[in-house]
PDB file of N, CA and C in Angstrom:
ATOM      1  N   MET A   1     -17.453 -20.258  -1.551  1.00  0.00           N
ATOM      2  CA  MET A   1     -17.085 -19.342  -2.176  1.00  0.00           C
ATOM      3  C   MET A   1     -16.231 -18.635  -1.698  1.00  0.00           C
ATOM      4  N   HIS A   2     -17.274 -17.318  -0.979  1.00  0.00           N
ATOM      5  CA  HIS A   2     -17.463 -16.235  -0.223  1.00  0.00           C
ATOM      6  C   HIS A   2     -15.875 -16.061   0.061  1.00  0.00           C
ATOM      7  N   ASP A   3     -16.119 -17.363   1.099  1.00  0.00           N
ATOM      8  CA  ASP A   3     -14.986 -17.635   2.379  1.00  0.00           C
ATOM      9  C   ASP A   3     -13.806 -17.573   2.024  1.00  0.00           C
ATOM     10  N   ALA A   4     -13.991 -18.809   0.942  1.00  0.00           N
ATOM     11  CA  ALA A   4     -12.152 -18.800   0.184  1.00  0.00           C
ATOM     12  C   ALA A   4     -12.205 -17.855  -0.625  1.00  0.00           C
ATOM     13  N   LEU A   5     -12.867 -16.575  -1.164  1.00  0.00           N
ATOM     14  CA  LEU A   5     -11.800 -15.977  -1.542  1.00  0.00           C
ATOM     15  C   LEU A   5     -11.371 -14.951  -0.569  1.00  0.00           C
ATOM     16  N   ILE A   6     -12.880 -14.609   0.321  1.00  0.00           N
ATOM     17  CA  ILE A   6     -11.441 -13.889   1.241  1.00  0.00           C
ATOM     18  C   ILE A   6      -9.658 -14.262   1.921  1.00  0.00           C
ATOM     19  N   VAL A   7      -9.876 -15.498   1.983  1.00  0.00           N
ATOM     20  CA  VAL A   7      -8.790 -15.943   2.467  1.00  0.00           C
ATOM     21  C   VAL A   7      -7.350 -15.766   1.143  1.00  0.00           C
ATOM     22  N   VAL A   8      -8.003 -15.805   0.625  1.00  0.00           N
ATOM     23  CA  VAL A   8      -7.067 -15.398  -1.418  1.00  0.00           C
ATOM     24  C   VAL A   8      -6.228 -13.920  -0.414  1.00  0.00           C
ATOM     25  N   VAL A   9      -7.843 -12.987  -0.591  1.00  0.00           N
ATOM     26  CA  VAL A   9      -7.271 -12.047  -0.397  1.00  0.00           C
ATOM     27  C   VAL A   9      -6.826 -11.052   0.524  1.00  0.00           C
ATOM     28  N   LEU A  10      -6.915 -12.307   2.068  1.00  0.00           N
ATOM     29  CA  LEU A  10      -5.852 -11.907   3.400  1.00  0.00           C
ATOM     30  C   LEU A  10      -4.452 -12.574   2.784  1.00  0.00           C
ATOM     31  N   LEU A  11      -4.250 -14.016   2.514  1.00  0.00           N
ATOM     32  CA  LEU A  11      -2.910 -14.011   1.652  1.00  0.00           C
ATOM     33  C   LEU A  11      -2.708 -12.871   1.239  1.00  0.00           C
ATOM     34  N   LEU A  12      -3.104 -12.261   0.085  1.00  0.00           N
ATOM     35  CA  LEU A  12      -2.453 -11.038  -0.147  1.00  0.00           C
ATOM     36  C   LEU A  12      -2.268  -9.797   0.109  1.00  0.00           C
ATOM     37  N   VAL A  13      -2.704  -9.677   1.033  1.00  0.00           N
ATOM     38  CA  VAL A  13      -2.725  -8.267   2.286  1.00  0.00           C
ATOM     39  C   VAL A  13      -1.017  -8.863   3.029  1.00  0.00           C
ATOM     40  N   ALA A  14      -1.427 -10.405   3.396  1.00  0.00           N
ATOM     41  CA  ALA A  14      -0.248 -10.378   4.184  1.00  0.00           C
ATOM     42  C   ALA A  14       1.262 -10.759   3.757  1.00  0.00           C
ATOM     43  N   ALA A  15       1.073 -11.117   1.358  1.00  0.00           N
ATOM     44  CA  ALA A  15       2.157 -10.875   0.904  1.00  0.00           C
ATOM     45  C   ALA A  15       2.192  -9.339   1.000  1.00  0.00           C
ATOM     46  N   ALA A  16       1.502  -8.899   0.769  1.00  0.00           N
ATOM     47  CA  ALA A  16       2.156  -7.173   0.618  1.00  0.00           C
ATOM     48  C   ALA A  16       2.241  -6.272   1.610  1.00  0.00           C
ATOM     49  N   ALA A  17       2.168  -6.689   3.172  1.00  0.00           N
ATOM     50  CA  ALA A  17       2.536  -6.176   3.873  1.00  0.00           C
ATOM     51  C   ALA A  17       3.923  -6.037   4.247  1.00  0.00           C
ATOM     52  N   THR A  18       4.047  -8.327   3.770  1.00  0.00           N
ATOM     53  CA  THR A  18       5.739  -8.616   4.057  1.00  0.00           C
ATOM     54  C   THR A  18       6.530  -7.701   3.101  1.00  0.00           C
ATOM     55  N   GLY A  19       6.458  -7.814   1.516  1.00  0.00           N
ATOM     56  CA  GLY A  19       6.918  -7.370   1.272  1.00  0.00           C
ATOM     57  C   GLY A  19       6.622  -6.280   1.239  1.00  0.00           C
ATOM     58  N   ALA A  20       6.619  -5.218   2.526  1.00  0.00           N
ATOM     59  CA  ALA A  20       6.065  -3.609   2.620  1.00  0.00           C
ATOM     60  C   ALA A  20       8.348  -3.792   2.799  1.00  0.00           C
ATOM     61  N   VAL A  21       7.943  -4.497   4.178  1.00  0.00           N
ATOM     62  CA  VAL A  21       9.105  -4.935   5.013  1.00  0.00           C
ATOM     63  C   VAL A  21       9.791  -5.407   4.974  1.00  0.00           C
ATOM     64  N   LEU A  22      10.219  -6.118   4.014  1.00  0.00           N
ATOM     65  CA  LEU A  22      11.208  -5.993   3.166  1.00  0.00           C
ATOM     66  C   LEU A  22      12.010  -5.676   2.827  1.00  0.00           C
ATOM     67  N   GLN A  23      11.717  -4.302   2.149  1.00  0.00           N
ATOM     68  CA  GLN A  23      12.284  -4.045   1.197  1.00  0.00           C
ATOM     69  C   GLN A  23      12.871  -2.558   1.611  1.00  0.00           C
ATOM     70  N   ARG A  24      14.154  -2.770   1.329  1.00  0.00           N
ATOM     71  CA  ARG A  24      15.569  -2.079   2.169  1.00  0.00           C
ATOM     72  C   ARG A  24      15.093  -0.605   1.262  1.00  0.00           C
ATOM     73  N   ASP A  25      15.303  -0.258   0.491  1.00  0.00           N
ATOM     74  CA  ASP A  25      14.328   1.387  -0.410  1.00  0.00           C
ATOM     75  C   ASP A  25      13.973   1.836  -0.404  1.00  0.00           C
ATOM     76  N   PRO A  26      13.279   3.132   0.376  1.00  0.00           N
ATOM     77  CA  PRO A  26      11.982   4.042   0.503  1.00  0.00           C
ATOM     78  C   PRO A  26      11.283   4.410  -1.030  1.00  0.00           C
ATOM     79  N   ALA A  27      11.919   4.132  -1.199  1.00  0.00           N
ATOM     80  CA  ALA A  27      10.786   4.091  -3.763  1.00  0.00           C
ATOM     81  C   ALA A  27      10.507   3.421  -3.481  1.00  0.00           C
ATOM     82  N   ARG A  28      11.093   2.135  -3.100  1.00  0.00           N
ATOM     83  CA  ARG A  28      10.551   0.529  -3.436  1.00  0.00           C
ATOM     84  C   ARG A  28       9.161   0.311  -1.946  1.00  0.00           C
ATOM     85  N   GLN A  29       9.864   0.892  -1.604  1.00  0.00           N
ATOM     86  CA  GLN A  29       8.619   0.675  -0.292  1.00  0.00           C
ATOM     87  C   GLN A  29       7.224   1.033  -0.319  1.00  0.00           C
ATOM     88  N   ALA A  30       7.311   2.161  -1.350  1.00  0.00           N
ATOM     89  CA  ALA A  30       6.248   3.337  -1.069  1.00  0.00           C
ATOM     90  C   ALA A  30       4.885   2.256  -2.470  1.00  0.00           C
ATOM     91  N   VAL A  31       6.088   2.103  -3.329  1.00  0.00           N
ATOM     92  CA  VAL A  31       5.310   1.289  -4.213  1.00  0.00           C
ATOM     93  C   VAL A  31       4.260  -0.101  -3.884  1.00  0.00           C
ATOM     94  N   VAL A  32       5.988  -0.896  -2.967  1.00  0.00           N
ATOM     95  CA  VAL A  32       4.665  -1.825  -2.141  1.00  0.00           C
ATOM     96  C   VAL A  32       3.398  -1.604  -2.102  1.00  0.00           C
ATOM     97  N   LEU A  33       3.304  -0.064  -0.671  1.00  0.00           N
ATOM     98  CA  LEU A  33       2.579   0.037  -0.035  1.00  0.00           C
ATOM     99  C   LEU A  33       1.329   0.446  -0.888  1.00  0.00           C
ATOM    100  N   SER A  34       1.871   0.560  -1.248  1.00  0.00           N
ATOM    101  CA  SER A  34       0.741   0.928  -2.844  1.00  0.00           C
ATOM    102  C   SER A  34      -0.078   0.038  -2.876  1.00  0.00           C
ATOM    103  N   ALA A  35       0.738  -1.118  -3.691  1.00  0.00           N
ATOM    104  CA  ALA A  35       0.134  -2.388  -3.480  1.00  0.00           C
ATOM    105  C   ALA A  35      -0.248  -2.690  -2.772  1.00  0.00           C
ATOM    106  N   LEU A  36      -0.064  -2.286  -1.025  1.00  0.00           N
ATOM    107  CA  LEU A  36      -0.867  -3.259  -0.414  1.00  0.00           C
ATOM    108  C   LEU A  36      -2.414  -2.408   0.221  1.00  0.00           C
ATOM    109  N   GLY A  37      -2.298  -0.580  -0.190  1.00  0.00           N
ATOM    110  CA  GLY A  37      -3.336   0.049  -0.148  1.00  0.00           C
ATOM    111  C   GLY A  37      -4.859  -0.966  -0.627  1.00  0.00           C
ATOM    112  N   LEU A  38      -3.936  -1.424  -1.958  1.00  0.00           N
ATOM    113  CA  LEU A  38      -4.683  -1.482  -3.075  1.00  0.00           C
ATOM    114  C   LEU A  38      -5.537  -2.533  -2.364  1.00  0.00           C
ATOM    115  N   THR A  39      -4.780  -3.574  -2.155  1.00  0.00           N
ATOM    116  CA  THR A  39      -5.304  -4.662  -1.085  1.00  0.00           C
ATOM    117  C   THR A  39      -6.062  -4.485   0.128  1.00  0.00           C
ATOM    118  N   LEU A  40      -5.587  -4.231   0.324  1.00  0.00           N
ATOM    119  CA  LEU A  40      -7.310  -4.265   1.776  1.00  0.00           C
ATOM    120  C   LEU A  40      -8.085  -3.267   0.102  1.00  0.00           C
ATOM    121  N   ALA A  41      -8.488  -2.046   0.380  1.00  0.00           N
ATOM    122  CA  ALA A  41      -8.863  -2.321  -0.171  1.00  0.00           C
ATOM    123  C   ALA A  41      -9.655  -3.261  -1.285  1.00  0.00           C
ATOM    124  N   VAL A  42      -9.628  -3.755  -1.582  1.00  0.00           N
ATOM    125  CA  VAL A  42     -10.388  -4.778  -2.635  1.00  0.00           C
ATOM    126  C   VAL A  42     -11.061  -5.865  -1.083  1.00  0.00           C
ATOM    127  N   LEU A  43     -10.222  -6.720  -0.220  1.00  0.00           N
ATOM    128  CA  LEU A  43     -10.555  -7.233   0.721  1.00  0.00           C
ATOM    129  C   LEU A  43     -11.802  -5.986   2.049  1.00  0.00           C
ATOM    130  N   PHE A  44     -11.900  -4.964   2.270  1.00  0.00           N
ATOM    131  CA  PHE A  44     -12.318  -4.024   2.327  1.00  0.00           C
ATOM    132  C   PHE A  44     -13.847  -3.826   2.039  1.00  0.00           C
ATOM    133  N   THR A  45     -14.003  -3.599   0.209  1.00  0.00           N
ATOM    134  CA  THR A  45     -15.501  -4.379  -0.416  1.00  0.00           C
ATOM    135  C   THR A  45     -15.710  -5.975  -0.469  1.00  0.00           C
ATOM    136  N   VAL A  46     -14.886  -6.716  -0.570  1.00  0.00           N
ATOM    137  CA  VAL A  46     -15.024  -8.015  -0.537  1.00  0.00           C
ATOM    138  C   VAL A  46     -15.825  -8.581   1.382  1.00  0.00           C
ATOM    139  N   LEU A  47     -15.348  -7.615   2.088  1.00  0.00           N
ATOM    140  CA  LEU A  47     -16.309  -7.812   3.075  1.00  0.00           C
ATOM    141  C   LEU A  47     -17.462  -7.268   3.265  1.00  0.00           C
ATOM    142  N   GLN A  48     -17.954  -6.443   1.916  1.00  0.00           N
ATOM    143  CA  GLN A  48     -18.519  -5.591   2.121  1.00  0.00           C
ATOM    144  C   GLN A  48     -18.839  -3.673   3.316  1.00  0.00           C
ATOM    145  N   ALA A  49     -17.708  -3.532   2.940  1.00  0.00           N
ATOM    146  CA  ALA A  49     -17.922  -1.845   3.337  1.00  0.00           C
ATOM    147  C   ALA A  49     -17.293  -1.091   2.095  1.00  0.00           C
ATOM    148  N   PRO A  50     -17.504  -0.670   1.475  1.00  0.00           N
ATOM    149  CA  PRO A  50     -17.730  -0.649   0.421  1.00  0.00           C
ATOM    150  C   PRO A  50     -17.040   1.070   0.853  1.00  0.00           C
ATOM    151  N   ASP A  51     -17.661   1.709   1.248  1.00  0.00           N
ATOM    152  CA  ASP A  51     -16.827   3.303   2.091  1.00  0.00           C
ATOM    153  C   ASP A  51     -15.375   3.339   2.588  1.00  0.00           C
ATOM    154  N   VAL A  52     -15.160   1.862   3.151  1.00  0.00           N
ATOM    155  CA  VAL A  52     -13.859   1.933   3.725  1.00  0.00           C
ATOM    156  C   VAL A  52     -13.289   1.652   2.816  1.00  0.00           C
ATOM    157  N   GLY A  53     -13.228   0.772   2.173  1.00  0.00           N
ATOM    158  CA  GLY A  53     -13.122   0.147   0.642  1.00  0.00           C
ATOM    159  C   GLY A  53     -12.366   2.260  -0.338  1.00  0.00           C
ATOM    160  N   LEU A  54     -13.317   2.154  -0.144  1.00  0.00           N
ATOM    161  CA  LEU A  54     -13.268   3.549  -1.010  1.00  0.00           C
ATOM    162  C   LEU A  54     -11.588   4.330  -0.869  1.00  0.00           C
ATOM    163  N   ALA A  55     -12.322   4.278   1.201  1.00  0.00           N
ATOM    164  CA  ALA A  55     -11.376   5.279   1.214  1.00  0.00           C
ATOM    165  C   ALA A  55     -10.146   5.070   1.646  1.00  0.00           C
ATOM    166  N   GLN A  56      -9.948   3.945   2.084  1.00  0.00           N
ATOM    167  CA  GLN A  56      -8.503   3.162   1.374  1.00  0.00           C
ATOM    168  C   GLN A  56      -7.493   2.854   0.480  1.00  0.00           C
ATOM    169  N   LEU A  57      -8.826   2.830  -1.041  1.00  0.00           N
ATOM    170  CA  LEU A  57      -8.207   3.706  -2.590  1.00  0.00           C
ATOM    171  C   LEU A  57      -7.905   4.360  -2.578  1.00  0.00           C
ATOM    172  N   ALA A  58      -8.119   5.574  -2.110  1.00  0.00           N
ATOM    173  CA  ALA A  58      -7.863   6.562  -2.312  1.00  0.00           C
ATOM    174  C   ALA A  58      -6.494   7.545  -1.160  1.00  0.00           C
ATOM    175  N   VAL A  59      -7.293   7.202  -0.110  1.00  0.00           N
ATOM    176  CA  VAL A  59      -5.921   7.989   1.456  1.00  0.00           C
ATOM    177  C   VAL A  59      -4.696   6.468   0.444  1.00  0.00           C
ATOM    178  N   GLY A  60      -4.567   4.959   0.952  1.00  0.00           N
ATOM    179  CA  GLY A  60      -3.658   4.349   1.175  1.00  0.00           C
ATOM    180  C   GLY A  60      -2.676   3.525  -0.094  1.00  0.00           C
ATOM    181  N   SER A  61      -3.944   4.171  -1.857  1.00  0.00           N
ATOM    182  CA  SER A  61      -3.470   3.122  -2.878  1.00  0.00           C
ATOM    183  C   SER A  61      -2.275   4.631  -3.213  1.00  0.00           C
ATOM    184  N   ALA A  62      -2.748   6.024  -3.071  1.00  0.00           N
ATOM    185  CA  ALA A  62      -1.976   6.941  -4.190  1.00  0.00           C
ATOM    186  C   ALA A  62      -1.531   8.015  -2.274  1.00  0.00           C
ATOM    187  N   VAL A  63      -2.201   8.440  -1.949  1.00  0.00           N
ATOM    188  CA  VAL A  63      -1.892   9.601  -0.547  1.00  0.00           C
ATOM    189  C   VAL A  63      -0.249   9.690  -0.703  1.00  0.00           C
ATOM    190  N   THR A  64      -0.480   8.803   0.214  1.00  0.00           N
ATOM    191  CA  THR A  64      -0.129   7.817   1.598  1.00  0.00           C
ATOM    192  C   THR A  64       1.580   7.233   0.576  1.00  0.00           C
ATOM    193  N   PRO A  65       1.500   6.729  -0.134  1.00  0.00           N
ATOM    194  CA  PRO A  65       2.869   6.890  -1.357  1.00  0.00           C
ATOM    195  C   PRO A  65       2.972   7.840  -1.755  1.00  0.00           C
ATOM    196  N   LEU A  66       2.027   8.985  -2.208  1.00  0.00           N
ATOM    197  CA  LEU A  66       3.013  10.376  -3.027  1.00  0.00           C
ATOM    198  C   LEU A  66       3.920  10.554  -2.126  1.00  0.00           C
ATOM    199  N   MET A  67       2.777  10.796  -0.688  1.00  0.00           N
ATOM    200  CA  MET A  67       4.421  11.922  -0.575  1.00  0.00           C
ATOM    201  C   MET A  67       5.166  11.448   0.052  1.00  0.00           C
ATOM    202  N   ILE A  68       5.691   9.900   0.383  1.00  0.00           N
ATOM    203  CA  ILE A  68       6.407   8.813   0.546  1.00  0.00           C
ATOM    204  C   ILE A  68       7.052   9.366  -0.349  1.00  0.00           C
ATOM    205  N   LEU A  69       7.170   9.337  -1.386  1.00  0.00           N
ATOM    206  CA  LEU A  69       8.644   8.948  -2.883  1.00  0.00           C
ATOM    207  C   LEU A  69       8.755  11.113  -2.741  1.00  0.00           C
ATOM    208  N   LEU A  70       7.291  11.870  -2.422  1.00  0.00           N
ATOM    209  CA  LEU A  70       7.887  13.239  -2.479  1.00  0.00           C
ATOM    210  C   LEU A  70       8.374  13.599  -1.183  1.00  0.00           C
ATOM    211  N   THR A  71       8.968  13.341  -0.826  1.00  0.00           N
ATOM    212  CA  THR A  71       9.385  13.258   1.519  1.00  0.00           C
ATOM    213  C   THR A  71      10.891  12.699   0.426  1.00  0.00           C
ATOM    214  N   VAL A  72      11.068  11.419  -0.258  1.00  0.00           N
ATOM    215  CA  VAL A  72      12.560  11.047  -0.520  1.00  0.00           C
ATOM    216  C   VAL A  72      12.783  11.516  -1.440  1.00  0.00           C
ATOM    217  N   ARG A  73      11.715  12.318  -2.556  1.00  0.00           N
ATOM    218  CA  ARG A  73      13.137  13.035  -3.299  1.00  0.00           C
ATOM    219  C   ARG A  73      13.896  14.021  -2.372  1.00  0.00           C
ATOM    220  N   LYS A  74      12.802  14.750  -2.003  1.00  0.00           N
ATOM    221  CA  LYS A  74      13.019  15.787  -1.342  1.00  0.00           C
ATOM    222  C   LYS A  74      14.648  15.460  -0.655  1.00  0.00           C
ATOM    223  N   VAL A  75      14.509  14.321  -0.211  1.00  0.00           N
ATOM    224  CA  VAL A  75      15.816  14.005   1.027  1.00  0.00           C
ATOM    225  C   VAL A  75      17.401  13.939   0.083  1.00  0.00           C
ATOM    226  N   ARG A  76      16.900  13.481  -1.276  1.00  0.00           N
ATOM    227  CA  ARG A  76      17.980  11.888  -1.493  1.00  0.00           C
ATOM    228  C   ARG A  76      18.490  14.029  -2.166  1.00  0.00           C
ATOM    229  N   ARG A  77      17.829  15.039  -2.849  1.00  0.00           N
ATOM    230  CA  ARG A  77      18.161  15.980  -3.947  1.00  0.00           C
ATOM    231  C   ARG A  77      19.624  16.992  -2.838  1.00  0.00           C
ATOM    232  N   LYS A  78      18.591  16.872  -1.343  1.00  0.00           N
ATOM    233  CA  LYS A  78      19.226  17.517   0.157  1.00  0.00           C
ATOM    234  C   LYS A  78      20.496  17.661   0.480  1.00  0.00           C
ATOM    235  N   GLY A  79      21.006  16.228  -0.290  1.00  0.00           N
ATOM    236  CA  GLY A  79      21.105  15.515   0.627  1.00  0.00           C
ATOM    237  C   GLY A  79      22.942  15.081  -0.911  1.00  0.00           C
ATOM    238  N   ARG A  80      22.545  15.533  -2.135  1.00  0.00           N
ATOM    239  CA  ARG A  80      23.103  15.744  -2.511  1.00  0.00           C
ATOM    240  C   ARG A  80      24.077  16.766  -2.442  1.00  0.00           C
ATOM    241  N   ARG A  81      22.869  17.747  -2.298  1.00  0.00           N
ATOM    242  CA  ARG A  81      24.437  19.471  -2.014  1.00  0.00           C
ATOM    243  C   ARG A  81      24.805  19.560  -1.092  1.00  0.00           C
ATOM    244  N   GLU A  82      24.318  18.844  -0.371  1.00  0.00           N
ATOM    245  CA  GLU A  82      26.091  19.007   0.931  1.00  0.00           C
ATOM    246  C   GLU A  82      26.813  18.238   0.660  1.00  0.00           C
TER     247      GLU A  82
END
């Protein structure tokens, strides 16, 4: 049962990573990247590394996508002014 759960979570990670790569819009890519961070956090928790999972949850699911979205917003605003 435990091995099946690991396989399912790995498939979800692969699907989220593929989705992040296939997105063309940087804003959508950041949202999918957040989902990837969440699935990686679940994977680390299933693999009995909850400390790494919590760090991934904070950084990979929240901080990094937020920084990307803020950067995209600033670049798009600057592009409109010129």
